[in-house]
Amino acid sequence: MTASATDTSPLSQMLNKAFAKFDRDGDGKLKSDELDNFDQLLRPGVALDDNGRPTVDMKQKLDHNGDGAVDQGEMNSTGILMPADLSSTDFTSLLGYLHAKTDPAALQAAAILELPDANADG
């Protein structure tokens, strides 16, 4: 499944919802640690080399203007691949994938996804 700017697919909806959670300072951009954490969500759609490293640097691919940050427009205008079963807007399958990886970066990304929505009361 591929997401793009005018896409209302479950993947696009899921990525936009996740973007809001990962943008912890609310400035409309993912940068530094926010972007490192968000990158964990994109891993299922990236092929790995013989050493288990991603063959595509999604952070660089998403950062169209080279400012070291990714805004929602950049994310939405980049074709992103992900298995369809991981693109539900409630994050259930994606959370299962991240928890199964058991590495600290994936677990941190899962913890961010599990945070209450910023616009929710509480």
PDB file of N, CA and C in Angstrom:
ATOM      1  N   MET A   1       0.845  -1.175   0.000  1.00  0.00           N
ATOM      2  CA  MET A   1       0.000   0.000   0.000  1.00  0.00           C
ATOM      3  C   MET A   1       0.894   1.243   0.000  1.00  0.00           C
ATOM      4  N   THR A   2       0.542   2.229  -0.817  1.00  0.00           N
ATOM      5  CA  THR A   2       1.291   3.475  -0.918  1.00  0.00           C
ATOM      6  C   THR A   2       0.407   4.638  -0.504  1.00  0.00           C
ATOM      7  N   ALA A   3       0.954   5.589   0.234  1.00  0.00           N
ATOM      8  CA  ALA A   3       0.214   6.792   0.635  1.00  0.00           C
ATOM      9  C   ALA A   3       0.750   7.982  -0.144  1.00  0.00           C
ATOM     10  N   SER A   4      -0.128   8.919  -0.483  1.00  0.00           N
ATOM     11  CA  SER A   4       0.292  10.148  -1.152  1.00  0.00           C
ATOM     12  C   SER A   4      -0.573  11.308  -0.666  1.00  0.00           C
ATOM     13  N   ALA A   5      -0.289  12.510  -1.167  1.00  0.00           N
ATOM     14  CA  ALA A   5      -0.879  13.749  -0.647  1.00  0.00           C
ATOM     15  C   ALA A   5      -2.406  13.761  -0.636  1.00  0.00           C
ATOM     16  N   THR A   6      -3.047  13.306  -1.698  1.00  0.00           N
ATOM     17  CA  THR A   6      -4.505  13.372  -1.774  1.00  0.00           C
ATOM     18  C   THR A   6      -5.142  12.060  -1.350  1.00  0.00           C
ATOM     19  N   ASP A   7      -4.375  11.193  -0.802  1.00  0.00           N
ATOM     20  CA  ASP A   7      -4.801   9.856  -0.432  1.00  0.00           C
ATOM     21  C   ASP A   7      -5.597   9.886   0.873  1.00  0.00           C
ATOM     22  N   THR A   8      -6.734   9.224   0.891  1.00  0.00           N
ATOM     23  CA  THR A   8      -7.500   9.073   2.123  1.00  0.00           C
ATOM     24  C   THR A   8      -7.531   7.604   2.536  1.00  0.00           C
ATOM     25  N   SER A   9      -6.533   6.865   2.087  1.00  0.00           N
ATOM     26  CA  SER A   9      -6.434   5.448   2.415  1.00  0.00           C
ATOM     27  C   SER A   9      -6.182   5.264   3.904  1.00  0.00           C
ATOM     28  N   PRO A  10      -6.415   4.058   4.412  1.00  0.00           N
ATOM     29  CA  PRO A  10      -6.094   3.805   5.820  1.00  0.00           C
ATOM     30  C   PRO A  10      -4.633   4.117   6.157  1.00  0.00           C
ATOM     31  N   LEU A  11      -3.708   3.849   5.242  1.00  0.00           N
ATOM     32  CA  LEU A  11      -2.293   4.145   5.495  1.00  0.00           C
ATOM     33  C   LEU A  11      -2.089   5.637   5.673  1.00  0.00           C
ATOM     34  N   SER A  12      -2.626   6.441   4.781  1.00  0.00           N
ATOM     35  CA  SER A  12      -2.472   7.889   4.882  1.00  0.00           C
ATOM     36  C   SER A  12      -3.101   8.418   6.170  1.00  0.00           C
ATOM     37  N   GLN A  13      -4.284   7.932   6.498  1.00  0.00           N
ATOM     38  CA  GLN A  13      -4.947   8.349   7.729  1.00  0.00           C
ATOM     39  C   GLN A  13      -4.119   7.952   8.948  1.00  0.00           C
ATOM     40  N   MET A  14      -3.588   6.738   8.938  1.00  0.00           N
ATOM     41  CA  MET A  14      -2.782   6.253  10.052  1.00  0.00           C
ATOM     42  C   MET A  14      -1.516   7.088  10.207  1.00  0.00           C
ATOM     43  N   LEU A  15      -0.829   7.381   9.091  1.00  0.00           N
ATOM     44  CA  LEU A  15       0.408   8.160   9.161  1.00  0.00           C
ATOM     45  C   LEU A  15       0.144   9.584   9.659  1.00  0.00           C
ATOM     46  N   ASN A  16      -0.944  10.189   9.222  1.00  0.00           N
ATOM     47  CA  ASN A  16      -1.266  11.542   9.685  1.00  0.00           C
ATOM     48  C   ASN A  16      -1.616  11.554  11.169  1.00  0.00           C
ATOM     49  N   LYS A  17      -2.338  10.555  11.618  1.00  0.00           N
ATOM     50  CA  LYS A  17      -2.670  10.450  13.041  1.00  0.00           C
ATOM     51  C   LYS A  17      -1.397  10.221  13.856  1.00  0.00           C
ATOM     52  N   ALA A  18      -0.521   9.355  13.354  1.00  0.00           N
ATOM     53  CA  ALA A  18       0.746   9.085  14.045  1.00  0.00           C
ATOM     54  C   ALA A  18       1.618  10.336  14.060  1.00  0.00           C
ATOM     55  N   PHE A  19       1.658  11.075  12.948  1.00  0.00           N
ATOM     56  CA  PHE A  19       2.463  12.295  12.869  1.00  0.00           C
ATOM     57  C   PHE A  19       2.112  13.221  14.027  1.00  0.00           C
ATOM     58  N   ALA A  20       0.818  13.386  14.282  1.00  0.00           N
ATOM     59  CA  ALA A  20       0.372  14.279  15.357  1.00  0.00           C
ATOM     60  C   ALA A  20       0.892  13.812  16.717  1.00  0.00           C
ATOM     61  N   LYS A  21       0.941  12.508  16.927  1.00  0.00           N
ATOM     62  CA  LYS A  21       1.439  11.981  18.200  1.00  0.00           C
ATOM     63  C   LYS A  21       2.952  12.180  18.335  1.00  0.00           C
ATOM     64  N   PHE A  22       3.675  12.011  17.248  1.00  0.00           N
ATOM     65  CA  PHE A  22       5.132  12.105  17.302  1.00  0.00           C
ATOM     66  C   PHE A  22       5.623  13.542  17.329  1.00  0.00           C
ATOM     67  N   ASP A  23       4.801  14.482  16.882  1.00  0.00           N
ATOM     68  CA  ASP A  23       5.147  15.905  16.921  1.00  0.00           C
ATOM     69  C   ASP A  23       4.871  16.421  18.338  1.00  0.00           C
ATOM     70  N   ARG A  24       5.709  16.019  19.273  1.00  0.00           N
ATOM     71  CA  ARG A  24       5.469  16.285  20.690  1.00  0.00           C
ATOM     72  C   ARG A  24       5.500  17.771  21.045  1.00  0.00           C
ATOM     73  N   ASP A  25       6.292  18.573  20.329  1.00  0.00           N
ATOM     74  CA  ASP A  25       6.320  19.999  20.665  1.00  0.00           C
ATOM     75  C   ASP A  25       5.264  20.792  19.902  1.00  0.00           C
ATOM     76  N   GLY A  26       4.511  20.118  19.023  1.00  0.00           N
ATOM     77  CA  GLY A  26       3.390  20.750  18.334  1.00  0.00           C
ATOM     78  C   GLY A  26       3.758  21.805  17.320  1.00  0.00           C
ATOM     79  N   ASP A  27       4.999  21.780  16.812  1.00  0.00           N
ATOM     80  CA  ASP A  27       5.400  22.817  15.853  1.00  0.00           C
ATOM     81  C   ASP A  27       5.101  22.451  14.399  1.00  0.00           C
ATOM     82  N   GLY A  28       4.465  21.308  14.171  1.00  0.00           N
ATOM     83  CA  GLY A  28       4.110  20.911  12.812  1.00  0.00           C
ATOM     84  C   GLY A  28       5.236  20.243  12.055  1.00  0.00           C
ATOM     85  N   LYS A  29       6.351  19.952  12.739  1.00  0.00           N
ATOM     86  CA  LYS A  29       7.492  19.302  12.099  1.00  0.00           C
ATOM     87  C   LYS A  29       8.029  18.201  12.999  1.00  0.00           C
ATOM     88  N   LEU A  30       8.497  17.148  12.367  1.00  0.00           N
ATOM     89  CA  LEU A  30       9.222  16.111  13.091  1.00  0.00           C
ATOM     90  C   LEU A  30      10.696  16.368  12.869  1.00  0.00           C
ATOM     91  N   LYS A  31      11.429  16.485  13.962  1.00  0.00           N
ATOM     92  CA  LYS A  31      12.863  16.720  13.846  1.00  0.00           C
ATOM     93  C   LYS A  31      13.571  15.909  14.913  1.00  0.00           C
ATOM     94  N   SER A  32      14.835  15.676  14.746  1.00  0.00           N
ATOM     95  CA  SER A  32      15.677  15.027  15.729  1.00  0.00           C
ATOM     96  C   SER A  32      15.048  13.743  16.259  1.00  0.00           C
ATOM     97  N   ASP A  33      14.843  13.678  17.575  1.00  0.00           N
ATOM     98  CA  ASP A  33      14.312  12.465  18.198  1.00  0.00           C
ATOM     99  C   ASP A  33      12.907  12.134  17.713  1.00  0.00           C
ATOM    100  N   GLU A  34      12.099  13.158  17.471  1.00  0.00           N
ATOM    101  CA  GLU A  34      10.744  12.910  16.965  1.00  0.00           C
ATOM    102  C   GLU A  34      10.818  12.142  15.650  1.00  0.00           C
ATOM    103  N   LEU A  35      11.704  12.572  14.764  1.00  0.00           N
ATOM    104  CA  LEU A  35      11.841  11.943  13.460  1.00  0.00           C
ATOM    105  C   LEU A  35      12.462  10.554  13.586  1.00  0.00           C
ATOM    106  N   ASP A  36      13.430  10.392  14.475  1.00  0.00           N
ATOM    107  CA  ASP A  36      14.015   9.066  14.702  1.00  0.00           C
ATOM    108  C   ASP A  36      12.952   8.088  15.162  1.00  0.00           C
ATOM    109  N   ASN A  37      12.085   8.517  16.069  1.00  0.00           N
ATOM    110  CA  ASN A  37      11.012   7.658  16.556  1.00  0.00           C
ATOM    111  C   ASN A  37      10.009   7.344  15.456  1.00  0.00           C
ATOM    112  N   PHE A  38       9.604   8.354  14.691  1.00  0.00           N
ATOM    113  CA  PHE A  38       8.638   8.163  13.610  1.00  0.00           C
ATOM    114  C   PHE A  38       9.185   7.212  12.557  1.00  0.00           C
ATOM    115  N   ASP A  39      10.484   7.271  12.325  1.00  0.00           N
ATOM    116  CA  ASP A  39      11.132   6.406  11.340  1.00  0.00           C
ATOM    117  C   ASP A  39      10.870   4.927  11.640  1.00  0.00           C
ATOM    118  N   GLN A  40      10.702   4.575  12.897  1.00  0.00           N
ATOM    119  CA  GLN A  40      10.422   3.187  13.267  1.00  0.00           C
ATOM    120  C   GLN A  40       9.107   2.692  12.661  1.00  0.00           C
ATOM    121  N   LEU A  41       8.141   3.598  12.466  1.00  0.00           N
ATOM    122  CA  LEU A  41       6.860   3.222  11.870  1.00  0.00           C
ATOM    123  C   LEU A  41       6.999   2.860  10.407  1.00  0.00           C
ATOM    124  N   LEU A  42       8.007   3.426   9.761  1.00  0.00           N
ATOM    125  CA  LEU A  42       8.165   3.236   8.327  1.00  0.00           C
ATOM    126  C   LEU A  42       8.979   1.987   7.989  1.00  0.00           C
ATOM    127  N   ARG A  43       9.628   1.411   8.968  1.00  0.00           N
ATOM    128  CA  ARG A  43      10.512   0.264   8.743  1.00  0.00           C
ATOM    129  C   ARG A  43       9.861  -0.940   8.076  1.00  0.00           C
ATOM    130  N   PRO A  44       8.587  -1.267   8.386  1.00  0.00           N
ATOM    131  CA  PRO A  44       8.012  -2.460   7.747  1.00  0.00           C
ATOM    132  C   PRO A  44       7.956  -2.364   6.224  1.00  0.00           C
ATOM    133  N   GLY A  45       7.945  -1.160   5.658  1.00  0.00           N
ATOM    134  CA  GLY A  45       7.849  -0.997   4.218  1.00  0.00           C
ATOM    135  C   GLY A  45       9.184  -0.840   3.516  1.00  0.00           C
ATOM    136  N   VAL A  46      10.290  -0.927   4.260  1.00  0.00           N
ATOM    137  CA  VAL A  46      11.617  -0.718   3.675  1.00  0.00           C
ATOM    138  C   VAL A  46      12.375  -2.044   3.644  1.00  0.00           C
ATOM    139  N   ALA A  47      12.904  -2.365   2.476  1.00  0.00           N
ATOM    140  CA  ALA A  47      13.699  -3.588   2.338  1.00  0.00           C
ATOM    141  C   ALA A  47      14.988  -3.464   3.149  1.00  0.00           C
ATOM    142  N   LEU A  48      15.489  -4.597   3.594  1.00  0.00           N
ATOM    143  CA  LEU A  48      16.727  -4.632   4.367  1.00  0.00           C
ATOM    144  C   LEU A  48      17.847  -5.229   3.528  1.00  0.00           C
ATOM    145  N   ASP A  49      19.084  -4.783   3.797  1.00  0.00           N
ATOM    146  CA  ASP A  49      20.236  -5.363   3.114  1.00  0.00           C
ATOM    147  C   ASP A  49      20.637  -6.666   3.818  1.00  0.00           C
ATOM    148  N   ASP A  50      21.733  -7.258   3.381  1.00  0.00           N
ATOM    149  CA  ASP A  50      22.185  -8.538   3.942  1.00  0.00           C
ATOM    150  C   ASP A  50      22.564  -8.445   5.415  1.00  0.00           C
ATOM    151  N   ASN A  51      22.840  -7.225   5.901  1.00  0.00           N
ATOM    152  CA  ASN A  51      23.198  -7.024   7.302  1.00  0.00           C
ATOM    153  C   ASN A  51      22.012  -6.582   8.156  1.00  0.00           C
ATOM    154  N   GLY A  52      20.801  -6.568   7.563  1.00  0.00           N
ATOM    155  CA  GLY A  52      19.611  -6.190   8.306  1.00  0.00           C
ATOM    156  C   GLY A  52      19.382  -4.699   8.428  1.00  0.00           C
ATOM    157  N   ARG A  53      20.129  -3.899   7.667  1.00  0.00           N
ATOM    158  CA  ARG A  53      19.956  -2.439   7.693  1.00  0.00           C
ATOM    159  C   ARG A  53      19.022  -2.009   6.562  1.00  0.00           C
ATOM    160  N   PRO A  54      18.209  -0.969   6.795  1.00  0.00           N
ATOM    161  CA  PRO A  54      17.307  -0.489   5.741  1.00  0.00           C
ATOM    162  C   PRO A  54      18.082  -0.049   4.503  1.00  0.00           C
ATOM    163  N   THR A  55      17.542  -0.381   3.326  1.00  0.00           N
ATOM    164  CA  THR A  55      18.188  -0.001   2.069  1.00  0.00           C
ATOM    165  C   THR A  55      17.825   1.413   1.638  1.00  0.00           C
ATOM    166  N   VAL A  56      16.842   2.027   2.293  1.00  0.00           N
ATOM    167  CA  VAL A  56      16.405   3.391   1.994  1.00  0.00           C
ATOM    168  C   VAL A  56      16.414   4.183   3.295  1.00  0.00           C
ATOM    169  N   ASP A  57      16.986   5.382   3.255  1.00  0.00           N
ATOM    170  CA  ASP A  57      16.953   6.279   4.405  1.00  0.00           C
ATOM    171  C   ASP A  57      15.672   7.108   4.294  1.00  0.00           C
ATOM    172  N   MET A  58      14.609   6.645   4.978  1.00  0.00           N
ATOM    173  CA  MET A  58      13.321   7.325   4.864  1.00  0.00           C
ATOM    174  C   MET A  58      13.372   8.742   5.416  1.00  0.00           C
ATOM    175  N   LYS A  59      14.177   8.984   6.440  1.00  0.00           N
ATOM    176  CA  LYS A  59      14.277  10.345   6.978  1.00  0.00           C
ATOM    177  C   LYS A  59      14.775  11.294   5.893  1.00  0.00           C
ATOM    178  N   GLN A  60      15.782  10.863   5.138  1.00  0.00           N
ATOM    179  CA  GLN A  60      16.310  11.706   4.062  1.00  0.00           C
ATOM    180  C   GLN A  60      15.299  11.817   2.918  1.00  0.00           C
ATOM    181  N   LYS A  61      14.621  10.706   2.611  1.00  0.00           N
ATOM    182  CA  LYS A  61      13.642  10.710   1.528  1.00  0.00           C
ATOM    183  C   LYS A  61      12.464  11.636   1.842  1.00  0.00           C
ATOM    184  N   LEU A  62      12.061  11.694   3.099  1.00  0.00           N
ATOM    185  CA  LEU A  62      10.928  12.533   3.500  1.00  0.00           C
ATOM    186  C   LEU A  62      11.287  14.012   3.556  1.00  0.00           C
ATOM    187  N   ASP A  63      12.526  14.330   3.864  1.00  0.00           N
ATOM    188  CA  ASP A  63      12.965  15.718   4.054  1.00  0.00           C
ATOM    189  C   ASP A  63      13.272  16.364   2.703  1.00  0.00           C
ATOM    190  N   HIS A  64      12.223  16.777   2.007  1.00  0.00           N
ATOM    191  CA  HIS A  64      12.356  17.313   0.646  1.00  0.00           C
ATOM    192  C   HIS A  64      13.188  18.589   0.582  1.00  0.00           C
ATOM    193  N   ASN A  65      13.057  19.460   1.570  1.00  0.00           N
ATOM    194  CA  ASN A  65      13.759  20.745   1.497  1.00  0.00           C
ATOM    195  C   ASN A  65      15.107  20.725   2.221  1.00  0.00           C
ATOM    196  N   GLY A  66      15.491  19.591   2.790  1.00  0.00           N
ATOM    197  CA  GLY A  66      16.809  19.442   3.395  1.00  0.00           C
ATOM    198  C   GLY A  66      17.034  20.237   4.668  1.00  0.00           C
ATOM    199  N   ASP A  67      15.947  20.601   5.373  1.00  0.00           N
ATOM    200  CA  ASP A  67      16.114  21.392   6.595  1.00  0.00           C
ATOM    201  C   ASP A  67      16.308  20.542   7.851  1.00  0.00           C
ATOM    202  N   GLY A  68      16.372  19.231   7.685  1.00  0.00           N
ATOM    203  CA  GLY A  68      16.582  18.348   8.830  1.00  0.00           C
ATOM    204  C   GLY A  68      15.313  18.010   9.584  1.00  0.00           C
ATOM    205  N   ALA A  69      14.181  18.485   9.082  1.00  0.00           N
ATOM    206  CA  ALA A  69      12.888  18.217   9.698  1.00  0.00           C
ATOM    207  C   ALA A  69      11.914  17.781   8.614  1.00  0.00           C
ATOM    208  N   VAL A  70      10.838  17.132   9.030  1.00  0.00           N
ATOM    209  CA  VAL A  70       9.809  16.696   8.086  1.00  0.00           C
ATOM    210  C   VAL A  70       8.478  17.257   8.543  1.00  0.00           C
ATOM    211  N   ASP A  71       7.827  18.018   7.655  1.00  0.00           N
ATOM    212  CA  ASP A  71       6.490  18.497   7.993  1.00  0.00           C
ATOM    213  C   ASP A  71       5.462  17.559   7.369  1.00  0.00           C
ATOM    214  N   GLN A  72       4.212  17.771   7.715  1.00  0.00           N
ATOM    215  CA  GLN A  72       3.171  16.868   7.256  1.00  0.00           C
ATOM    216  C   GLN A  72       3.047  16.881   5.737  1.00  0.00           C
ATOM    217  N   GLY A  73       3.249  18.036   5.120  1.00  0.00           N
ATOM    218  CA  GLY A  73       3.191  18.115   3.664  1.00  0.00           C
ATOM    219  C   GLY A  73       4.263  17.263   3.005  1.00  0.00           C
ATOM    220  N   GLU A  74       5.483  17.309   3.564  1.00  0.00           N
ATOM    221  CA  GLU A  74       6.561  16.477   3.024  1.00  0.00           C
ATOM    222  C   GLU A  74       6.217  14.999   3.179  1.00  0.00           C
ATOM    223  N   MET A  75       5.701  14.638   4.338  1.00  0.00           N
ATOM    224  CA  MET A  75       5.351  13.241   4.549  1.00  0.00           C
ATOM    225  C   MET A  75       4.264  12.810   3.568  1.00  0.00           C
ATOM    226  N   ASN A  76       3.239  13.650   3.425  1.00  0.00           N
ATOM    227  CA  ASN A  76       2.116  13.282   2.570  1.00  0.00           C
ATOM    228  C   ASN A  76       2.455  13.292   1.088  1.00  0.00           C
ATOM    229  N   SER A  77       3.510  13.980   0.694  1.00  0.00           N
ATOM    230  CA  SER A  77       3.881  14.015  -0.721  1.00  0.00           C
ATOM    231  C   SER A  77       4.953  12.983  -1.068  1.00  0.00           C
ATOM    232  N   THR A  78       5.315  12.154  -0.103  1.00  0.00           N
ATOM    233  CA  THR A  78       6.293  11.100  -0.330  1.00  0.00           C
ATOM    234  C   THR A  78       5.561   9.774  -0.388  1.00  0.00           C
ATOM    235  N   GLY A  79       5.808   9.014  -1.439  1.00  0.00           N
ATOM    236  CA  GLY A  79       5.217   7.683  -1.513  1.00  0.00           C
ATOM    237  C   GLY A  79       5.787   6.818  -0.401  1.00  0.00           C
ATOM    238  N   ILE A  80       4.924   6.296   0.428  1.00  0.00           N
ATOM    239  CA  ILE A  80       5.336   5.453   1.541  1.00  0.00           C
ATOM    240  C   ILE A  80       4.669   4.107   1.386  1.00  0.00           C
ATOM    241  N   LEU A  81       5.470   3.077   1.454  1.00  0.00           N
ATOM    242  CA  LEU A  81       4.953   1.727   1.363  1.00  0.00           C
ATOM    243  C   LEU A  81       4.865   1.115   2.743  1.00  0.00           C
ATOM    244  N   MET A  82       3.832   0.333   2.954  1.00  0.00           N
ATOM    245  CA  MET A  82       3.683  -0.374   4.222  1.00  0.00           C
ATOM    246  C   MET A  82       2.715  -1.527   3.983  1.00  0.00           C
ATOM    247  N   PRO A  83       2.963  -2.655   4.618  1.00  0.00           N
ATOM    248  CA  PRO A  83       1.991  -3.752   4.498  1.00  0.00           C
ATOM    249  C   PRO A  83       0.606  -3.274   4.928  1.00  0.00           C
ATOM    250  N   ALA A  84      -0.415  -3.606   4.156  1.00  0.00           N
ATOM    251  CA  ALA A  84      -1.770  -3.130   4.416  1.00  0.00           C
ATOM    252  C   ALA A  84      -2.259  -3.502   5.806  1.00  0.00           C
ATOM    253  N   ASP A  85      -1.832  -4.643   6.316  1.00  0.00           N
ATOM    254  CA  ASP A  85      -2.328  -5.066   7.623  1.00  0.00           C
ATOM    255  C   ASP A  85      -1.755  -4.252   8.773  1.00  0.00           C
ATOM    256  N   LEU A  86      -0.779  -3.383   8.508  1.00  0.00           N
ATOM    257  CA  LEU A  86      -0.211  -2.536   9.552  1.00  0.00           C
ATOM    258  C   LEU A  86      -0.736  -1.102   9.506  1.00  0.00           C
ATOM    259  N   SER A  87      -1.666  -0.829   8.614  1.00  0.00           N
ATOM    260  CA  SER A  87      -2.066   0.568   8.402  1.00  0.00           C
ATOM    261  C   SER A  87      -3.428   0.924   8.986  1.00  0.00           C
ATOM    262  N   SER A  88      -3.871   0.228  10.031  1.00  0.00           N
ATOM    263  CA  SER A  88      -5.137   0.578  10.659  1.00  0.00           C
ATOM    264  C   SER A  88      -4.965   1.849  11.486  1.00  0.00           C
ATOM    265  N   THR A  89      -6.004   2.674  11.512  1.00  0.00           N
ATOM    266  CA  THR A  89      -5.892   3.959  12.208  1.00  0.00           C
ATOM    267  C   THR A  89      -5.886   3.816  13.723  1.00  0.00           C
ATOM    268  N   ASP A  90      -6.194   2.626  14.244  1.00  0.00           N
ATOM    269  CA  ASP A  90      -6.118   2.445  15.702  1.00  0.00           C
ATOM    270  C   ASP A  90      -4.754   1.906  16.135  1.00  0.00           C
ATOM    271  N   PHE A  91      -3.845   1.706  15.210  1.00  0.00           N
ATOM    272  CA  PHE A  91      -2.454   1.310  15.460  1.00  0.00           C
ATOM    273  C   PHE A  91      -2.289  -0.105  16.019  1.00  0.00           C
ATOM    274  N   THR A  92      -3.360  -0.884  16.151  1.00  0.00           N
ATOM    275  CA  THR A  92      -3.273  -2.194  16.795  1.00  0.00           C
ATOM    276  C   THR A  92      -2.201  -3.079  16.174  1.00  0.00           C
ATOM    277  N   SER A  93      -2.253  -3.277  14.870  1.00  0.00           N
ATOM    278  CA  SER A  93      -1.288  -4.162  14.211  1.00  0.00           C
ATOM    279  C   SER A  93       0.119  -3.583  14.256  1.00  0.00           C
ATOM    280  N   LEU A  94       0.231  -2.287  14.063  1.00  0.00           N
ATOM    281  CA  LEU A  94       1.539  -1.644  14.091  1.00  0.00           C
ATOM    282  C   LEU A  94       2.164  -1.746  15.479  1.00  0.00           C
ATOM    283  N   LEU A  95       1.362  -1.573  16.508  1.00  0.00           N
ATOM    284  CA  LEU A  95       1.870  -1.719  17.873  1.00  0.00           C
ATOM    285  C   LEU A  95       2.369  -3.139  18.117  1.00  0.00           C
ATOM    286  N   GLY A  96       1.649  -4.113  17.618  1.00  0.00           N
ATOM    287  CA  GLY A  96       2.092  -5.503  17.748  1.00  0.00           C
ATOM    288  C   GLY A  96       3.435  -5.717  17.068  1.00  0.00           C
ATOM    289  N   TYR A  97       3.586  -5.141  15.882  1.00  0.00           N
ATOM    290  CA  TYR A  97       4.855  -5.241  15.146  1.00  0.00           C
ATOM    291  C   TYR A  97       5.992  -4.592  15.946  1.00  0.00           C
ATOM    292  N   LEU A  98       5.765  -3.394  16.459  1.00  0.00           N
ATOM    293  CA  LEU A  98       6.812  -2.675  17.195  1.00  0.00           C
ATOM    294  C   LEU A  98       7.191  -3.406  18.481  1.00  0.00           C
ATOM    295  N   HIS A  99       6.209  -3.907  19.202  1.00  0.00           N
ATOM    296  CA  HIS A  99       6.499  -4.642  20.440  1.00  0.00           C
ATOM    297  C   HIS A  99       7.252  -5.939  20.154  1.00  0.00           C
ATOM    298  N   ALA A 100       6.937  -6.586  19.050  1.00  0.00           N
ATOM    299  CA  ALA A 100       7.604  -7.844  18.697  1.00  0.00           C
ATOM    300  C   ALA A 100       9.079  -7.635  18.371  1.00  0.00           C
ATOM    301  N   LYS A 101       9.439  -6.436  17.897  1.00  0.00           N
ATOM    302  CA  LYS A 101      10.842  -6.166  17.558  1.00  0.00           C
ATOM    303  C   LYS A 101      11.712  -6.120  18.809  1.00  0.00           C
ATOM    304  N   THR A 102      11.178  -5.713  19.902  1.00  0.00           N
ATOM    305  CA  THR A 102      11.842  -5.621  21.209  1.00  0.00           C
ATOM    306  C   THR A 102      13.111  -4.772  21.252  1.00  0.00           C
ATOM    307  N   ASP A 103      13.431  -4.022  20.205  1.00  0.00           N
ATOM    308  CA  ASP A 103      14.592  -3.139  20.333  1.00  0.00           C
ATOM    309  C   ASP A 103      14.126  -1.806  20.918  1.00  0.00           C
ATOM    310  N   PRO A 104      15.018  -1.106  21.618  1.00  0.00           N
ATOM    311  CA  PRO A 104      14.618   0.111  22.336  1.00  0.00           C
ATOM    312  C   PRO A 104      13.949   1.167  21.456  1.00  0.00           C
ATOM    313  N   ALA A 105      14.428   1.369  20.242  1.00  0.00           N
ATOM    314  CA  ALA A 105      13.843   2.395  19.370  1.00  0.00           C
ATOM    315  C   ALA A 105      12.413   2.026  18.991  1.00  0.00           C
ATOM    316  N   ALA A 106      12.169   0.763  18.678  1.00  0.00           N
ATOM    317  CA  ALA A 106      10.820   0.328  18.321  1.00  0.00           C
ATOM    318  C   ALA A 106       9.890   0.429  19.527  1.00  0.00           C
ATOM    319  N   LEU A 107      10.379   0.058  20.700  1.00  0.00           N
ATOM    320  CA  LEU A 107       9.557   0.132  21.905  1.00  0.00           C
ATOM    321  C   LEU A 107       9.231   1.579  22.266  1.00  0.00           C
ATOM    322  N   GLN A 108      10.169   2.495  22.040  1.00  0.00           N
ATOM    323  CA  GLN A 108       9.908   3.909  22.302  1.00  0.00           C
ATOM    324  C   GLN A 108       8.849   4.430  21.335  1.00  0.00           C
ATOM    325  N   ALA A 109       8.946   4.031  20.060  1.00  0.00           N
ATOM    326  CA  ALA A 109       7.938   4.442  19.082  1.00  0.00           C
ATOM    327  C   ALA A 109       6.559   3.908  19.487  1.00  0.00           C
ATOM    328  N   ALA A 110       6.502   2.667  19.951  1.00  0.00           N
ATOM    329  CA  ALA A 110       5.232   2.090  20.402  1.00  0.00           C
ATOM    330  C   ALA A 110       4.675   2.876  21.585  1.00  0.00           C
ATOM    331  N   ALA A 111       5.534   3.256  22.517  1.00  0.00           N
ATOM    332  CA  ALA A 111       5.087   4.012  23.685  1.00  0.00           C
ATOM    333  C   ALA A 111       4.477   5.352  23.273  1.00  0.00           C
ATOM    334  N   ILE A 112       5.044   5.993  22.263  1.00  0.00           N
ATOM    335  CA  ILE A 112       4.509   7.270  21.777  1.00  0.00           C
ATOM    336  C   ILE A 112       3.136   7.050  21.143  1.00  0.00           C
ATOM    337  N   LEU A 113       3.001   5.993  20.345  1.00  0.00           N
ATOM    338  CA  LEU A 113       1.707   5.709  19.727  1.00  0.00           C
ATOM    339  C   LEU A 113       0.638   5.418  20.773  1.00  0.00           C
ATOM    340  N   GLU A 114       1.044   4.861  21.899  1.00  0.00           N
ATOM    341  CA  GLU A 114       0.088   4.504  22.938  1.00  0.00           C
ATOM    342  C   GLU A 114      -0.337   5.679  23.809  1.00  0.00           C
ATOM    343  N   LEU A 115       0.317   6.819  23.650  1.00  0.00           N
ATOM    344  CA  LEU A 115      -0.066   8.020  24.423  1.00  0.00           C
ATOM    345  C   LEU A 115      -1.461   8.468  24.002  1.00  0.00           C
ATOM    346  N   PRO A 116      -2.204   9.041  24.932  1.00  0.00           N
ATOM    347  CA  PRO A 116      -3.533   9.577  24.567  1.00  0.00           C
ATOM    348  C   PRO A 116      -3.383  10.670  23.510  1.00  0.00           C
ATOM    349  N   ASP A 117      -4.386  10.827  22.697  1.00  0.00           N
ATOM    350  CA  ASP A 117      -4.366  11.890  21.690  1.00  0.00           C
ATOM    351  C   ASP A 117      -4.255  13.243  22.375  1.00  0.00           C
ATOM    352  N   ALA A 118      -3.522  14.157  21.744  1.00  0.00           N
ATOM    353  CA  ALA A 118      -3.296  15.470  22.313  1.00  0.00           C
ATOM    354  C   ALA A 118      -4.594  16.241  22.520  1.00  0.00           C
ATOM    355  N   ASN A 119      -5.580  16.003  21.644  1.00  0.00           N
ATOM    356  CA  ASN A 119      -6.826  16.750  21.762  1.00  0.00           C
ATOM    357  C   ASN A 119      -7.844  16.066  22.666  1.00  0.00           C
ATOM    358  N   ALA A 120      -7.451  14.923  23.271  1.00  0.00           N
ATOM    359  CA  ALA A 120      -8.358  14.230  24.185  1.00  0.00           C
ATOM    360  C   ALA A 120      -8.279  14.864  25.574  1.00  0.00           C
ATOM    361  N   ASP A 121      -9.354  14.841  26.280  1.00  0.00           N
ATOM    362  CA  ASP A 121      -9.369  15.375  27.642  1.00  0.00           C
ATOM    363  C   ASP A 121      -8.622  14.427  28.566  1.00  0.00           C
ATOM    364  N   GLY A 122      -7.939  14.969  29.593  1.00  0.00           N
ATOM    365  CA  GLY A 122      -7.282  14.133  30.559  1.00  0.00           C
ATOM    366  C   GLY A 122      -5.882  14.480  30.663  1.00  0.00           C
TER     367      GLY A 122
END
